[in-house]
Every structure is written in C-alpha cells, then in structure tokens.
Amino acid sequence: MKVVVPTSKGGLDDEVHESLVRAETFTVVELEGGKVKDVKVIENPYRSEPHGAGSKVALFVVDLGADVLVTRVDCPKGKLILDSARVKVVKVGRVRVRDVISGL
C-alpha cells in the first residue's frame, strides 16, 4: 500500500501539513504487511501555482500511485480525480506522519 502525506520537510517525523495544495513536500510511504518498506520525500511542484493547484496536486498524487492520501483538509477541486482513481482520503488533525502510518 502506498500512502501519500503532505509535509513541510518530509519524512516520518514531520507533521501532516496544514495545506494539501501548499505543502512544500509529500512524504510517500510504502507499506508492506503493515510495516514501512520505503519512504521517499518528493517536492510539491504545484505549491506556488496561482490557480488550479488542487486539481494538479490530485493528479500528482494519483500519478505517484497513491492508495491512500492523508490530509488535514478537504480537496474539493481534486475530489473527483481522487475518487475516480480510488484513492482513499483519510482526514486527520495535527499529527506526525509516523503516528498516522501506524494507525492505517
């Protein structure tokens, strides 16, 4: 299972960013058998887009191969894209990536 989480600096010890679209990075965690197999930090290429960033970020998340997107906010502009790709959206509060992953 591949989990994508918007973050500031990235990594398991970073917190879920308050914004999905304006997050500096995405932490991509690959889980196998409930255990962390791989962690990658990827810069968000759309964080400075003035318009339409929600849809672009949603497509980016789908292109990353996400099964799950963890976020603190809704993504109304990207909802249809995420739903069509069957990406499960999990909303959380202010929490570390490591803590979210352990609960999936």
N, C-alpha and C. Protein backbone atom coordinates (compact mmCIF):
# COMPACT_ATOMS: atom_id res chain seq x y z
N MET A 1 0.85 -1.17 0.00
CA MET A 1 0.00 0.00 0.00
C MET A 1 0.90 1.23 0.00
N LYS A 2 0.55 2.20 -0.84
CA LYS A 2 1.31 3.44 -0.92
C LYS A 2 0.49 4.57 -0.32
N VAL A 3 1.08 5.26 0.66
CA VAL A 3 0.42 6.35 1.38
C VAL A 3 1.15 7.65 1.06
N VAL A 4 0.41 8.67 0.67
CA VAL A 4 0.99 9.98 0.37
C VAL A 4 0.48 10.98 1.41
N VAL A 5 1.44 11.75 1.98
CA VAL A 5 1.13 12.69 3.04
C VAL A 5 1.77 14.04 2.72
N PRO A 6 1.00 15.14 2.70
CA PRO A 6 1.61 16.46 2.53
C PRO A 6 2.40 16.84 3.78
N THR A 7 3.63 17.32 3.58
CA THR A 7 4.51 17.64 4.70
C THR A 7 5.30 18.92 4.40
N SER A 8 6.05 19.38 5.40
CA SER A 8 6.90 20.56 5.21
C SER A 8 8.28 20.14 4.73
N LYS A 9 9.01 19.43 5.57
CA LYS A 9 10.36 18.96 5.22
C LYS A 9 10.34 17.52 4.74
N GLY A 10 9.34 16.78 5.18
CA GLY A 10 9.21 15.39 4.75
C GLY A 10 9.78 14.42 5.75
N GLY A 11 9.37 13.18 5.62
CA GLY A 11 9.86 12.12 6.48
C GLY A 11 8.84 11.71 7.52
N LEU A 12 9.12 10.61 8.19
CA LEU A 12 8.19 10.05 9.16
C LEU A 12 8.00 10.92 10.40
N ASP A 13 9.01 11.73 10.75
CA ASP A 13 8.90 12.55 11.95
C ASP A 13 8.31 13.94 11.69
N ASP A 14 8.04 14.25 10.44
CA ASP A 14 7.39 15.53 10.11
C ASP A 14 5.89 15.41 10.40
N GLU A 15 5.24 16.55 10.56
CA GLU A 15 3.79 16.57 10.77
C GLU A 15 3.06 16.66 9.43
N VAL A 16 1.82 16.21 9.42
CA VAL A 16 0.97 16.39 8.26
C VAL A 16 0.77 17.90 8.09
N HIS A 17 1.05 18.40 6.90
CA HIS A 17 0.97 19.83 6.63
C HIS A 17 -0.47 20.32 6.72
N GLU A 18 -0.65 21.58 7.12
CA GLU A 18 -1.98 22.15 7.26
C GLU A 18 -2.68 22.35 5.93
N SER A 19 -1.92 22.35 4.83
CA SER A 19 -2.50 22.53 3.50
C SER A 19 -2.05 21.40 2.58
N LEU A 20 -2.97 20.85 1.86
CA LEU A 20 -2.62 19.82 0.89
C LEU A 20 -1.93 20.45 -0.32
N VAL A 21 -2.48 21.53 -0.82
CA VAL A 21 -2.01 22.14 -2.05
C VAL A 21 -0.71 22.93 -1.86
N ARG A 22 -0.55 23.59 -0.72
CA ARG A 22 0.62 24.46 -0.49
C ARG A 22 1.73 23.79 0.30
N ALA A 23 1.62 22.53 0.59
CA ALA A 23 2.68 21.81 1.30
C ALA A 23 3.96 21.85 0.48
N GLU A 24 5.09 21.97 1.15
CA GLU A 24 6.37 22.03 0.46
C GLU A 24 6.75 20.69 -0.15
N THR A 25 6.40 19.61 0.55
CA THR A 25 6.79 18.27 0.10
C THR A 25 5.64 17.29 0.30
N PHE A 26 5.81 16.12 -0.27
CA PHE A 26 4.95 14.98 0.01
C PHE A 26 5.84 13.85 0.50
N THR A 27 5.43 13.25 1.60
CA THR A 27 6.13 12.07 2.09
C THR A 27 5.34 10.87 1.56
N VAL A 28 6.04 10.02 0.83
CA VAL A 28 5.42 8.84 0.23
C VAL A 28 5.94 7.63 0.99
N VAL A 29 5.01 6.93 1.63
CA VAL A 29 5.38 5.77 2.46
C VAL A 29 4.79 4.52 1.83
N GLU A 30 5.64 3.56 1.59
CA GLU A 30 5.19 2.28 1.07
C GLU A 30 5.13 1.29 2.24
N LEU A 31 3.95 0.71 2.42
CA LEU A 31 3.74 -0.25 3.49
C LEU A 31 3.60 -1.65 2.91
N GLU A 32 4.17 -2.59 3.60
CA GLU A 32 4.02 -3.99 3.21
C GLU A 32 3.77 -4.79 4.47
N GLY A 33 2.63 -5.43 4.53
CA GLY A 33 2.29 -6.19 5.73
C GLY A 33 2.18 -5.32 6.97
N GLY A 34 1.76 -4.06 6.78
CA GLY A 34 1.61 -3.14 7.89
C GLY A 34 2.90 -2.51 8.37
N LYS A 35 4.02 -2.85 7.74
CA LYS A 35 5.32 -2.30 8.13
C LYS A 35 5.86 -1.39 7.03
N VAL A 36 6.64 -0.38 7.43
CA VAL A 36 7.22 0.57 6.47
C VAL A 36 8.29 -0.14 5.65
N LYS A 37 8.08 -0.16 4.36
CA LYS A 37 9.05 -0.77 3.44
C LYS A 37 9.98 0.29 2.84
N ASP A 38 9.41 1.49 2.54
CA ASP A 38 10.19 2.54 1.89
C ASP A 38 9.57 3.90 2.20
N VAL A 39 10.42 4.92 2.28
CA VAL A 39 9.96 6.30 2.50
C VAL A 39 10.70 7.20 1.51
N LYS A 40 9.93 8.00 0.78
CA LYS A 40 10.52 8.97 -0.15
C LYS A 40 9.93 10.33 0.13
N VAL A 41 10.72 11.36 -0.05
CA VAL A 41 10.25 12.75 0.09
C VAL A 41 10.36 13.39 -1.29
N ILE A 42 9.22 13.91 -1.76
CA ILE A 42 9.15 14.50 -3.10
C ILE A 42 8.64 15.93 -2.97
N GLU A 43 9.32 16.85 -3.64
CA GLU A 43 8.88 18.25 -3.61
C GLU A 43 7.54 18.40 -4.32
N ASN A 44 6.73 19.31 -3.81
CA ASN A 44 5.44 19.62 -4.41
C ASN A 44 5.65 20.62 -5.54
N PRO A 45 5.54 20.20 -6.78
CA PRO A 45 5.80 21.11 -7.89
C PRO A 45 4.70 22.15 -8.11
N TYR A 46 3.57 22.02 -7.41
CA TYR A 46 2.43 22.91 -7.64
C TYR A 46 2.14 23.87 -6.49
N ARG A 47 2.99 23.91 -5.48
CA ARG A 47 2.67 24.72 -4.30
C ARG A 47 2.60 26.21 -4.59
N SER A 48 3.22 26.67 -5.66
CA SER A 48 3.21 28.10 -5.98
C SER A 48 2.24 28.45 -7.11
N GLU A 49 1.51 27.47 -7.60
CA GLU A 49 0.55 27.72 -8.68
C GLU A 49 -0.53 28.69 -8.20
N PRO A 50 -0.80 29.74 -8.96
CA PRO A 50 -1.82 30.71 -8.53
C PRO A 50 -3.25 30.18 -8.66
N HIS A 51 -3.50 29.32 -9.65
CA HIS A 51 -4.86 28.83 -9.90
C HIS A 51 -4.82 27.35 -10.29
N GLY A 52 -5.84 26.61 -9.89
CA GLY A 52 -5.97 25.23 -10.33
C GLY A 52 -5.03 24.24 -9.68
N ALA A 53 -4.41 24.64 -8.59
CA ALA A 53 -3.44 23.76 -7.95
C ALA A 53 -4.08 22.52 -7.34
N GLY A 54 -5.32 22.63 -6.88
CA GLY A 54 -5.99 21.48 -6.26
C GLY A 54 -6.10 20.30 -7.20
N SER A 55 -6.53 20.56 -8.43
CA SER A 55 -6.65 19.51 -9.43
C SER A 55 -5.29 18.96 -9.81
N LYS A 56 -4.31 19.85 -9.96
CA LYS A 56 -2.97 19.41 -10.33
C LYS A 56 -2.34 18.55 -9.25
N VAL A 57 -2.53 18.93 -8.00
CA VAL A 57 -2.00 18.13 -6.89
C VAL A 57 -2.69 16.78 -6.83
N ALA A 58 -4.00 16.76 -7.05
CA ALA A 58 -4.73 15.49 -7.04
C ALA A 58 -4.19 14.56 -8.13
N LEU A 59 -3.97 15.08 -9.33
CA LEU A 59 -3.40 14.27 -10.41
C LEU A 59 -1.99 13.80 -10.06
N PHE A 60 -1.22 14.67 -9.43
CA PHE A 60 0.14 14.32 -8.99
C PHE A 60 0.11 13.16 -8.01
N VAL A 61 -0.81 13.22 -7.05
CA VAL A 61 -0.96 12.16 -6.05
C VAL A 61 -1.35 10.85 -6.73
N VAL A 62 -2.25 10.91 -7.68
CA VAL A 62 -2.65 9.72 -8.44
C VAL A 62 -1.45 9.17 -9.21
N ASP A 63 -0.69 10.06 -9.86
CA ASP A 63 0.49 9.63 -10.63
C ASP A 63 1.57 9.00 -9.75
N LEU A 64 1.60 9.39 -8.48
CA LEU A 64 2.54 8.77 -7.55
C LEU A 64 2.14 7.34 -7.20
N GLY A 65 0.93 6.96 -7.59
CA GLY A 65 0.45 5.60 -7.31
C GLY A 65 -0.17 5.45 -5.94
N ALA A 66 -0.68 6.53 -5.39
CA ALA A 66 -1.24 6.51 -4.03
C ALA A 66 -2.47 5.61 -3.93
N ASP A 67 -2.50 4.84 -2.86
CA ASP A 67 -3.69 4.11 -2.47
C ASP A 67 -4.45 4.92 -1.43
N VAL A 68 -3.68 5.68 -0.62
CA VAL A 68 -4.25 6.48 0.47
C VAL A 68 -3.60 7.86 0.45
N LEU A 69 -4.42 8.89 0.61
CA LEU A 69 -3.93 10.26 0.80
C LEU A 69 -4.35 10.69 2.19
N VAL A 70 -3.37 11.07 3.00
CA VAL A 70 -3.64 11.58 4.34
C VAL A 70 -3.56 13.09 4.28
N THR A 71 -4.57 13.78 4.80
CA THR A 71 -4.61 15.24 4.72
C THR A 71 -5.37 15.81 5.91
N ARG A 72 -5.08 17.07 6.21
CA ARG A 72 -5.81 17.76 7.28
C ARG A 72 -7.00 18.52 6.74
N VAL A 73 -7.09 18.67 5.42
CA VAL A 73 -8.16 19.46 4.80
C VAL A 73 -8.80 18.70 3.65
N ASP A 74 -9.99 19.16 3.26
CA ASP A 74 -10.63 18.61 2.07
C ASP A 74 -9.95 19.17 0.82
N CYS A 75 -10.13 18.46 -0.26
CA CYS A 75 -9.61 18.92 -1.55
C CYS A 75 -10.77 18.93 -2.54
N PRO A 76 -11.63 19.96 -2.45
CA PRO A 76 -12.83 19.96 -3.29
C PRO A 76 -12.53 19.92 -4.79
N LYS A 77 -11.50 20.61 -5.23
CA LYS A 77 -11.17 20.63 -6.66
C LYS A 77 -10.57 19.32 -7.14
N GLY A 78 -9.99 18.56 -6.23
CA GLY A 78 -9.37 17.30 -6.61
C GLY A 78 -10.17 16.07 -6.24
N LYS A 79 -11.31 16.27 -5.58
CA LYS A 79 -12.10 15.13 -5.08
C LYS A 79 -12.50 14.16 -6.17
N LEU A 80 -13.03 14.67 -7.27
CA LEU A 80 -13.46 13.80 -8.35
C LEU A 80 -12.30 12.99 -8.92
N ILE A 81 -11.16 13.63 -9.05
CA ILE A 81 -9.96 12.95 -9.57
C ILE A 81 -9.54 11.84 -8.61
N LEU A 82 -9.48 12.15 -7.33
CA LEU A 82 -9.07 11.15 -6.33
C LEU A 82 -10.09 10.01 -6.25
N ASP A 83 -11.37 10.37 -6.28
CA ASP A 83 -12.41 9.34 -6.24
C ASP A 83 -12.34 8.43 -7.47
N SER A 84 -12.14 9.02 -8.63
CA SER A 84 -12.06 8.24 -9.87
C SER A 84 -10.89 7.26 -9.87
N ALA A 85 -9.82 7.65 -9.22
CA ALA A 85 -8.63 6.80 -9.14
C ALA A 85 -8.68 5.86 -7.93
N ARG A 86 -9.78 5.95 -7.18
CA ARG A 86 -9.98 5.10 -5.99
C ARG A 86 -8.90 5.31 -4.93
N VAL A 87 -8.49 6.56 -4.78
CA VAL A 87 -7.56 6.93 -3.72
C VAL A 87 -8.40 7.22 -2.48
N LYS A 88 -8.14 6.50 -1.42
CA LYS A 88 -8.85 6.71 -0.16
C LYS A 88 -8.28 7.95 0.52
N VAL A 89 -9.14 8.87 0.92
CA VAL A 89 -8.70 10.09 1.60
C VAL A 89 -8.98 9.93 3.09
N VAL A 90 -7.93 10.09 3.89
CA VAL A 90 -8.04 9.98 5.34
C VAL A 90 -7.74 11.36 5.93
N LYS A 91 -8.73 11.95 6.59
CA LYS A 91 -8.53 13.26 7.23
C LYS A 91 -8.07 13.06 8.67
N VAL A 92 -7.08 13.86 9.03
CA VAL A 92 -6.51 13.79 10.38
C VAL A 92 -6.33 15.20 10.91
N GLY A 93 -5.96 15.29 12.17
CA GLY A 93 -5.61 16.57 12.78
C GLY A 93 -4.11 16.77 12.69
N ARG A 94 -3.60 17.59 13.57
CA ARG A 94 -2.17 17.86 13.62
C ARG A 94 -1.47 16.66 14.25
N VAL A 95 -0.76 15.90 13.42
CA VAL A 95 -0.16 14.65 13.86
C VAL A 95 1.08 14.35 13.01
N ARG A 96 2.00 13.60 13.58
CA ARG A 96 3.20 13.20 12.84
C ARG A 96 2.85 12.11 11.83
N VAL A 97 3.60 12.08 10.75
CA VAL A 97 3.40 11.07 9.72
C VAL A 97 3.52 9.67 10.33
N ARG A 98 4.53 9.46 11.14
CA ARG A 98 4.76 8.15 11.78
C ARG A 98 3.52 7.67 12.53
N ASP A 99 2.87 8.57 13.23
CA ASP A 99 1.70 8.21 14.03
C ASP A 99 0.49 7.87 13.14
N VAL A 100 0.35 8.57 12.03
CA VAL A 100 -0.73 8.28 11.09
C VAL A 100 -0.51 6.91 10.46
N ILE A 101 0.71 6.65 10.04
CA ILE A 101 1.03 5.39 9.38
C ILE A 101 0.77 4.20 10.30
N SER A 102 1.10 4.35 11.55
CA SER A 102 0.91 3.23 12.48
C SER A 102 -0.56 2.90 12.69
N GLY A 103 -1.45 3.86 12.39
CA GLY A 103 -2.88 3.65 12.56
C GLY A 103 -3.59 3.14 11.31
N LEU A 104 -2.86 2.99 10.22
CA LEU A 104 -3.50 2.53 8.96
C LEU A 104 -3.52 1.01 8.88
